[in-house]
Amino acid sequence: MLSQRRHLIVHQRGIVDRRYLENTNDTQQIGERLLVSPDELLGYIVLVQNSGASLLTALLGSMLGTQ
């Protein structure tokens, strides 16, 4: 969902289109501006933060394992 919403914001200025609705279970209508609740936004921020931390941990682990 995060990827689909990011794509919609970047490429469609946040306006819901057919492709977005086909790729998600969202109930918004074509032509509406994408609605993201504060709780959803916080969840996305935490998800991205955790993903970045995991990537950094894996990178550091692989670098330390090769020395």
C-alpha atoms as a PDB file:
ATOM      1  CA  MET A   1       0.000   0.000   0.000  1.00  0.00           C
ATOM      2  CA  LEU A   2       2.844   2.364   0.823  1.00  0.00           C
ATOM      3  CA  SER A   3       4.378   1.821  -2.603  1.00  0.00           C
ATOM      4  CA  GLN A   4       1.050   2.340  -4.377  1.00  0.00           C
ATOM      5  CA  ARG A   5       0.342   5.523  -2.443  1.00  0.00           C
ATOM      6  CA  ARG A   6       3.849   6.867  -3.034  1.00  0.00           C
ATOM      7  CA  HIS A   7       3.401   6.236  -6.757  1.00  0.00           C
ATOM      8  CA  LEU A   8       0.046   8.033  -6.739  1.00  0.00           C
ATOM      9  CA  ILE A   9       1.490  11.049  -4.905  1.00  0.00           C
ATOM     10  CA  VAL A  10       4.592  11.306  -7.101  1.00  0.00           C
ATOM     11  CA  HIS A  11       3.026  10.590 -10.492  1.00  0.00           C
ATOM     12  CA  GLN A  12      -0.625  11.634 -10.153  1.00  0.00           C
ATOM     13  CA  ARG A  13      -0.314  14.547  -7.688  1.00  0.00           C
ATOM     14  CA  GLY A  14      -2.232  12.440  -5.147  1.00  0.00           C
ATOM     15  CA  ILE A  15      -5.332  12.081  -7.314  1.00  0.00           C
ATOM     16  CA  VAL A  16      -6.865   8.597  -7.173  1.00  0.00           C
ATOM     17  CA  ASP A  17      -6.901   6.876 -10.558  1.00  0.00           C
ATOM     18  CA  ARG A  18      -8.132   3.561 -11.940  1.00  0.00           C
ATOM     19  CA  ARG A  19      -4.725   1.907 -11.730  1.00  0.00           C
ATOM     20  CA  TYR A  20      -4.399   2.748  -8.030  1.00  0.00           C
ATOM     21  CA  LEU A  21      -7.837   1.307  -7.286  1.00  0.00           C
ATOM     22  CA  GLU A  22      -7.052  -1.846  -9.277  1.00  0.00           C
ATOM     23  CA  ASN A  23      -3.846  -2.385  -7.281  1.00  0.00           C
ATOM     24  CA  THR A  24      -5.301  -1.708  -3.827  1.00  0.00           C
ATOM     25  CA  ASN A  25      -8.422  -2.415  -1.800  1.00  0.00           C
ATOM     26  CA  ASP A  26      -8.961   1.301  -1.241  1.00  0.00           C
ATOM     27  CA  THR A  27     -12.540   2.553  -1.324  1.00  0.00           C
ATOM     28  CA  GLN A  28     -11.852   6.071  -2.560  1.00  0.00           C
ATOM     29  CA  GLN A  29     -13.285   7.199  -5.888  1.00  0.00           C
ATOM     30  CA  ILE A  30     -11.440   8.020  -9.105  1.00  0.00           C
ATOM     31  CA  GLY A  31     -10.606  11.726  -9.187  1.00  0.00           C
ATOM     32  CA  GLU A  32     -10.565  12.185  -5.412  1.00  0.00           C
ATOM     33  CA  ARG A  33      -7.459  13.443  -3.646  1.00  0.00           C
ATOM     34  CA  LEU A  34      -5.760  10.624  -1.756  1.00  0.00           C
ATOM     35  CA  LEU A  35      -6.665  10.607   1.925  1.00  0.00           C
ATOM     36  CA  VAL A  36      -4.111   9.300   4.412  1.00  0.00           C
ATOM     37  CA  SER A  37      -5.017   9.390   8.097  1.00  0.00           C
ATOM     38  CA  PRO A  38      -2.498  10.589  10.682  1.00  0.00           C
ATOM     39  CA  ASP A  39      -2.299   7.031  12.068  1.00  0.00           C
ATOM     40  CA  GLU A  40      -1.561   5.616   8.601  1.00  0.00           C
ATOM     41  CA  LEU A  41       1.116   8.247   8.014  1.00  0.00           C
ATOM     42  CA  LEU A  42       2.749   7.457  11.359  1.00  0.00           C
ATOM     43  CA  GLY A  43       2.661   3.756  10.499  1.00  0.00           C
ATOM     44  CA  TYR A  44       4.387   4.443   7.169  1.00  0.00           C
ATOM     45  CA  ILE A  45       7.053   6.549   8.881  1.00  0.00           C
ATOM     46  CA  VAL A  46       7.742   3.769  11.381  1.00  0.00           C
ATOM     47  CA  LEU A  47       7.833   1.182   8.579  1.00  0.00           C
ATOM     48  CA  VAL A  48      10.380   3.181   6.576  1.00  0.00           C
ATOM     49  CA  GLN A  49      12.448   3.901   9.680  1.00  0.00           C
ATOM     50  CA  ASN A  50      12.520   0.226  10.672  1.00  0.00           C
ATOM     51  CA  SER A  51      13.359  -0.843   7.112  1.00  0.00           C
ATOM     52  CA  GLY A  52      16.253   1.611   6.989  1.00  0.00           C
ATOM     53  CA  ALA A  53      17.544   0.445  10.366  1.00  0.00           C
ATOM     54  CA  SER A  54      17.372  -3.195   9.233  1.00  0.00           C
ATOM     55  CA  LEU A  55      19.276  -2.417   6.036  1.00  0.00           C
ATOM     56  CA  LEU A  56      21.936  -0.543   7.973  1.00  0.00           C
ATOM     57  CA  THR A  57      22.266  -3.393  10.479  1.00  0.00           C
ATOM     58  CA  ALA A  58      22.632  -5.937   7.664  1.00  0.00           C
ATOM     59  CA  LEU A  59      25.214  -3.769   5.889  1.00  0.00           C
ATOM     60  CA  LEU A  60      27.267  -3.244   9.023  1.00  0.00           C
ATOM     61  CA  GLY A  61      27.023  -6.938   9.868  1.00  0.00           C
ATOM     62  CA  SER A  62      28.296  -7.951   6.448  1.00  0.00           C
ATOM     63  CA  MET A  63      31.133  -5.418   6.632  1.00  0.00           C
ATOM     64  CA  LEU A  64      32.199  -6.579  10.082  1.00  0.00           C
ATOM     65  CA  GLY A  65      31.937 -10.228   9.038  1.00  0.00           C
ATOM     66  CA  THR A  66      34.419  -9.757   6.183  1.00  0.00           C
ATOM     67  CA  GLN A  67      37.163  -8.124   8.228  1.00  0.00           C
END
